[in-house]
């Protein structure tokens, strides 16, 4: 990655935060928060359900049309579903080891922001990991122009309600989801409980799980990465899994990957031995 590309990404992250600060200090309207209430849940589903559980881990199957919808939802937070899938698979392969781009052992800054500025993996390596997604022209287009959908939404919001609506509705969701994802990357590899034996330091962190709609059951996830459900027990709330179940009930997704009780018990016994 070139210095210019790093500067562009760092500038983009800084600009999102400064825009949100300016909008909040300048005053907001009720309509701004209504826009946020519509866009943030869709963007959150785009991160947790679309980018993570579908594109990175194939936790369920769906149609080409709904796959496109999921990719667009991911793009609402300036996310790039195919790029994330490739990068995230490399993270799992090297989790908490030398090749992991956002392990806490590399320091808070790298884990929280640095890996977003420069993920450390070449475009060739990322494309290799996610090559099957690039067979679809629409996904290949989003891979090349990942920020375009979010910028279009921001333009519509600006035309509708001005600066504050653009920022609160279009930029604030991206900022919040950035910090939610980074909290998983950091705290769920250094603070929490380990219910399963894994080759990394992944943990289940209750507070992070509540703040990220189930993504904080991270040790569960690293033990069963293809599982559509990260909160494997009834006392582990997982809102994103609930969304997947709704999609399944509506017939939008199928072949949802679940962990049966016997396999879960065997994995639990492995930690005790």
Protein backbone atom coordinates (compact mmCIF):
# COMPACT_ATOMS: atom_id res chain seq x y z
CA UNK A 1 0.00 0.00 0.00
CA UNK A 2 1.34 3.42 -0.95
CA UNK A 3 1.77 6.37 1.40
CA UNK A 4 -0.95 8.19 -0.54
CA UNK A 5 -3.42 5.35 0.06
CA UNK A 6 -2.62 5.31 3.77
CA UNK A 7 -3.07 9.07 3.98
CA UNK A 8 -6.37 8.85 2.09
CA UNK A 9 -7.77 6.25 4.49
CA UNK A 10 -6.50 8.02 7.59
CA UNK A 11 -7.95 11.28 6.29
CA UNK A 12 -11.29 9.63 5.64
CA UNK A 13 -11.51 8.22 9.17
CA UNK A 14 -10.50 11.55 10.69
CA UNK A 15 -12.98 13.43 8.50
CA UNK A 16 -15.88 11.21 9.58
CA UNK A 17 -15.14 11.91 13.25
CA UNK A 18 -14.68 15.65 12.72
CA UNK A 19 -17.91 15.90 10.73
CA UNK A 20 -19.85 14.17 13.50
CA UNK A 21 -18.32 16.47 16.11
CA UNK A 22 -19.16 19.54 14.02
CA UNK A 23 -22.75 18.43 13.49
CA UNK A 24 -23.37 17.68 17.15
CA UNK A 25 -21.83 20.97 18.30
CA UNK A 26 -23.69 22.90 15.60
CA UNK A 27 -27.07 21.46 16.58
CA UNK A 28 -29.23 18.76 15.07
CA UNK A 29 -32.89 18.36 14.22
CA UNK A 30 -35.39 15.59 14.91
CA UNK A 31 -35.37 14.65 11.23
CA UNK A 32 -31.61 14.02 11.40
CA UNK A 33 -32.10 11.39 14.08
CA UNK A 34 -34.98 9.84 12.18
CA UNK A 35 -32.58 9.37 9.27
CA UNK A 36 -30.09 7.82 11.69
CA UNK A 37 -32.79 5.50 13.06
CA UNK A 38 -33.43 4.19 9.55
CA UNK A 39 -29.86 3.91 8.27
CA UNK A 40 -27.95 2.73 11.36
CA UNK A 41 -29.80 -0.61 11.80
CA UNK A 42 -29.38 -1.40 8.10
CA UNK A 43 -25.69 -0.52 8.25
CA UNK A 44 -25.24 -2.60 11.43
CA UNK A 45 -26.83 -5.60 9.72
CA UNK A 46 -24.53 -4.88 6.80
CA UNK A 47 -21.49 -5.21 9.07
CA UNK A 48 -22.47 -8.11 11.35
CA UNK A 49 -24.76 -10.23 9.19
CA UNK A 50 -23.59 -9.37 5.68
CA UNK A 51 -19.84 -8.70 5.81
CA UNK A 52 -18.98 -10.94 8.73
CA UNK A 53 -21.31 -13.91 8.88
CA UNK A 54 -22.17 -14.16 5.18
CA UNK A 55 -19.33 -12.84 3.03
CA UNK A 56 -16.47 -13.81 5.35
CA UNK A 57 -17.82 -17.09 6.75
CA UNK A 58 -20.67 -18.29 4.53
CA UNK A 59 -22.89 -18.91 7.55
CA UNK A 60 -25.92 -19.18 5.28
CA UNK A 61 -26.82 -19.27 1.61
CA UNK A 62 -28.92 -16.80 -0.31
CA UNK A 63 -29.89 -15.68 -3.79
CA UNK A 64 -27.77 -13.51 -6.03
CA UNK A 65 -30.30 -10.68 -5.67
CA UNK A 66 -30.32 -10.70 -1.85
CA UNK A 67 -26.56 -11.13 -1.84
CA UNK A 68 -26.41 -7.80 -3.69
CA UNK A 69 -28.74 -6.24 -1.12
CA UNK A 70 -26.48 -7.48 1.68
CA UNK A 71 -23.42 -6.02 -0.04
CA UNK A 72 -25.17 -2.65 -0.38
CA UNK A 73 -26.13 -2.73 3.30
CA UNK A 74 -22.47 -3.34 4.15
CA UNK A 75 -21.50 -0.37 1.97
CA UNK A 76 -23.75 1.99 3.98
CA UNK A 77 -20.95 2.25 6.57
CA UNK A 78 -18.28 2.66 3.89
CA UNK A 79 -17.66 -1.08 4.23
CA UNK A 80 -16.37 -3.24 1.41
CA UNK A 81 -17.87 -6.72 1.74
CA UNK A 82 -15.48 -8.58 -0.56
CA UNK A 83 -12.38 -6.82 0.75
CA UNK A 84 -13.47 -7.50 4.33
CA UNK A 85 -14.11 -11.17 3.55
CA UNK A 86 -10.60 -11.68 2.23
CA UNK A 87 -8.96 -9.71 5.04
CA UNK A 88 -11.00 -11.38 7.75
CA UNK A 89 -10.20 -14.87 6.55
CA UNK A 90 -6.51 -14.01 6.75
CA UNK A 91 -7.11 -12.74 10.30
CA UNK A 92 -8.62 -16.09 11.28
CA UNK A 93 -5.74 -17.98 9.69
CA UNK A 94 -3.15 -15.99 11.68
CA UNK A 95 -5.25 -15.04 14.70
CA UNK A 96 -3.07 -13.57 17.48
CA UNK A 97 0.06 -14.72 15.65
CA UNK A 98 2.64 -12.87 13.58
CA UNK A 99 0.46 -12.49 10.50
CA UNK A 100 -2.61 -11.12 12.33
CA UNK A 101 -3.07 -7.52 11.30
CA UNK A 102 -5.08 -6.41 14.35
CA UNK A 103 -3.97 -8.49 17.34
CA UNK A 104 -3.92 -6.59 20.69
CA UNK A 105 -0.28 -7.62 21.06
CA UNK A 106 0.50 -5.08 18.33
CA UNK A 107 -0.88 -2.29 20.49
CA UNK A 108 -4.18 -0.51 20.92
CA UNK A 109 -3.70 1.93 18.06
CA UNK A 110 -2.92 -0.71 15.45
CA UNK A 111 -5.77 -2.91 16.63
CA UNK A 112 -8.31 -0.07 16.73
CA UNK A 113 -7.37 2.23 13.84
CA UNK A 114 -4.10 1.18 12.24
CA UNK A 115 -5.41 -1.99 10.62
CA UNK A 116 -8.15 0.07 8.96
CA UNK A 117 -5.59 2.45 7.51
CA UNK A 118 -3.26 -0.32 6.33
CA UNK A 119 -4.47 -3.89 6.80
CA UNK A 120 -1.00 -5.23 6.06
CA UNK A 121 -2.17 -7.70 3.43
CA UNK A 122 -1.59 -7.20 -0.27
CA UNK A 123 -4.50 -6.73 -2.62
CA UNK A 124 -3.43 -9.94 -4.33
CA UNK A 125 -3.70 -11.91 -1.09
CA UNK A 126 -7.09 -10.44 -0.26
CA UNK A 127 -8.44 -11.07 -3.75
CA UNK A 128 -7.17 -14.65 -3.58
CA UNK A 129 -9.08 -15.30 -0.36
CA UNK A 130 -12.31 -13.78 -1.74
CA UNK A 131 -11.92 -14.68 -5.41
CA UNK A 132 -15.22 -16.58 -5.61
CA UNK A 133 -17.13 -13.38 -4.79
CA UNK A 134 -15.47 -11.50 -7.62
CA UNK A 135 -17.11 -13.75 -10.21
CA UNK A 136 -20.22 -11.60 -9.76
CA UNK A 137 -19.82 -8.34 -11.74
CA UNK A 138 -21.88 -6.35 -9.25
CA UNK A 139 -19.69 -7.47 -6.33
CA UNK A 140 -16.53 -6.81 -8.34
CA UNK A 141 -17.85 -3.29 -8.99
CA UNK A 142 -18.40 -2.69 -5.27
CA UNK A 143 -14.94 -4.09 -4.54
CA UNK A 144 -13.48 -1.36 -6.79
CA UNK A 145 -15.87 1.41 -5.67
CA UNK A 146 -16.70 0.49 -2.08
CA UNK A 147 -17.44 4.03 -0.88
CA UNK A 148 -19.80 4.94 -3.71
CA UNK A 149 -23.11 3.75 -2.15
CA UNK A 150 -22.43 5.56 1.15
CA UNK A 151 -21.44 8.73 -0.69
CA UNK A 152 -24.66 8.56 -2.72
CA UNK A 153 -26.70 8.19 0.47
CA UNK A 154 -24.86 11.16 1.99
CA UNK A 155 -25.64 13.23 -1.11
CA UNK A 156 -29.34 12.35 -0.89
CA UNK A 157 -29.42 13.19 2.82
CA UNK A 158 -27.67 16.50 2.21
CA UNK A 159 -30.17 17.41 -0.52
CA UNK A 160 -33.03 16.43 1.80
CA UNK A 161 -32.03 17.89 5.13
CA UNK A 162 -28.72 19.68 4.79
CA UNK A 163 -25.39 19.20 6.53
CA UNK A 164 -26.62 17.87 9.86
CA UNK A 165 -28.87 15.22 8.29
CA UNK A 166 -26.03 14.09 6.04
CA UNK A 167 -23.67 13.69 8.99
CA UNK A 168 -26.05 12.22 11.58
CA UNK A 169 -27.77 9.92 9.11
CA UNK A 170 -24.87 9.08 6.82
CA UNK A 171 -21.63 9.46 8.79
CA UNK A 172 -22.51 8.74 12.42
CA UNK A 173 -23.52 5.11 11.69
CA UNK A 174 -20.12 4.51 10.10
CA UNK A 175 -18.29 6.03 13.08
CA UNK A 176 -20.23 4.00 15.63
CA UNK A 177 -19.80 0.75 13.71
CA UNK A 178 -16.09 1.40 13.30
CA UNK A 179 -15.69 1.61 17.07
CA UNK A 180 -17.97 -1.35 17.71
CA UNK A 181 -15.94 -3.54 15.35
CA UNK A 182 -12.65 -2.32 16.79
CA UNK A 183 -13.89 -3.09 20.31
CA UNK A 184 -14.39 -6.71 19.24
CA UNK A 185 -10.93 -6.83 17.65
CA UNK A 186 -9.29 -5.48 20.80
CA UNK A 187 -11.22 -6.45 23.93
CA UNK A 188 -12.33 -9.86 22.65
CA UNK A 189 -8.72 -10.93 22.30
CA UNK A 190 -7.51 -9.75 25.70
CA UNK A 191 -10.46 -9.47 28.13
CA UNK A 192 -13.21 -11.97 28.88
CA UNK A 193 -13.97 -15.65 29.32
CA UNK A 194 -12.79 -18.58 27.22
CA UNK A 195 -15.46 -21.27 26.92
CA UNK A 196 -13.66 -23.23 24.19
CA UNK A 197 -10.10 -24.23 23.44
CA UNK A 198 -8.82 -22.34 20.40
CA UNK A 199 -5.30 -21.75 19.10
CA UNK A 200 -5.68 -18.00 19.68
CA UNK A 201 -6.53 -15.77 22.65
CA UNK A 202 -10.16 -15.08 21.65
CA UNK A 203 -12.61 -14.48 24.49
CA UNK A 204 -16.31 -14.01 25.12
CA UNK A 205 -16.87 -10.50 26.45
CA UNK A 206 -20.38 -9.87 27.77
CA UNK A 207 -20.28 -6.07 27.57
CA UNK A 208 -18.89 -6.06 24.03
CA UNK A 209 -21.45 -8.68 23.01
CA UNK A 210 -24.29 -6.47 24.24
CA UNK A 211 -22.85 -3.41 22.48
CA UNK A 212 -22.28 -5.25 19.19
CA UNK A 213 -25.51 -7.29 18.97
CA UNK A 214 -23.79 -10.64 19.53
CA UNK A 215 -20.38 -10.17 17.93
CA UNK A 216 -18.69 -10.14 21.34
CA UNK A 217 -19.22 -13.88 21.81
CA UNK A 218 -15.90 -14.04 20.05
CA UNK A 219 -14.39 -17.19 21.53
CA UNK A 220 -17.54 -19.02 20.43
CA UNK A 221 -17.07 -17.56 16.98
CA UNK A 222 -13.41 -18.56 16.69
CA UNK A 223 -14.28 -22.10 17.75
CA UNK A 224 -17.18 -22.33 15.27
CA UNK A 225 -16.47 -19.66 12.62
CA UNK A 226 -19.14 -20.86 10.18
CA UNK A 227 -21.90 -20.84 12.76
CA UNK A 228 -24.62 -18.30 12.02
CA UNK A 229 -25.08 -18.00 15.77
CA UNK A 230 -22.29 -16.53 17.90
CA UNK A 231 -24.27 -16.58 21.17
CA UNK A 232 -24.47 -20.35 21.48
CA UNK A 233 -26.43 -20.50 24.76
CA UNK A 234 -29.77 -19.02 25.72
CA UNK A 235 -28.06 -16.61 28.12
CA UNK A 236 -25.86 -15.23 25.33
CA UNK A 237 -28.05 -12.75 23.39
CA UNK A 238 -27.26 -12.55 19.68
CA UNK A 239 -29.42 -10.05 17.85
CA UNK A 240 -27.67 -10.65 14.52
CA UNK A 241 -28.60 -14.33 14.69
CA UNK A 242 -32.18 -13.24 15.29
CA UNK A 243 -32.01 -11.16 12.11
CA UNK A 244 -30.71 -14.20 10.19
CA UNK A 245 -33.63 -16.25 11.55
CA UNK A 246 -36.07 -13.59 10.32
CA UNK A 247 -34.43 -13.65 6.89
CA UNK A 248 -34.72 -17.45 6.94
CA UNK A 249 -38.40 -17.30 7.88
CA UNK A 250 -39.00 -14.85 5.03
CA UNK A 251 -37.30 -17.24 2.61
CA UNK A 252 -34.46 -14.80 1.87
CA UNK A 253 -31.72 -17.09 3.21
CA UNK A 254 -31.37 -20.84 3.71
CA UNK A 255 -28.84 -23.51 4.70
CA UNK A 256 -28.24 -21.61 7.93
CA UNK A 257 -25.23 -23.14 9.70
CA UNK A 258 -26.02 -24.19 13.27
CA UNK A 259 -24.08 -26.10 15.93
CA UNK A 260 -25.97 -29.09 17.34
CA UNK A 261 -25.96 -29.85 21.07
CA UNK A 262 -23.71 -32.90 20.75
CA UNK A 263 -20.99 -31.02 18.89
CA UNK A 264 -21.24 -28.16 21.38
CA UNK A 265 -20.83 -30.58 24.29
CA UNK A 266 -17.77 -32.24 22.73
CA UNK A 267 -16.14 -28.84 22.24
CA UNK A 268 -16.85 -27.87 25.87
CA UNK A 269 -15.31 -31.11 27.14
CA UNK A 270 -12.19 -30.44 25.07
CA UNK A 271 -11.52 -27.28 27.08
CA UNK A 272 -11.92 -29.16 30.38
CA UNK A 273 -9.50 -31.94 29.44
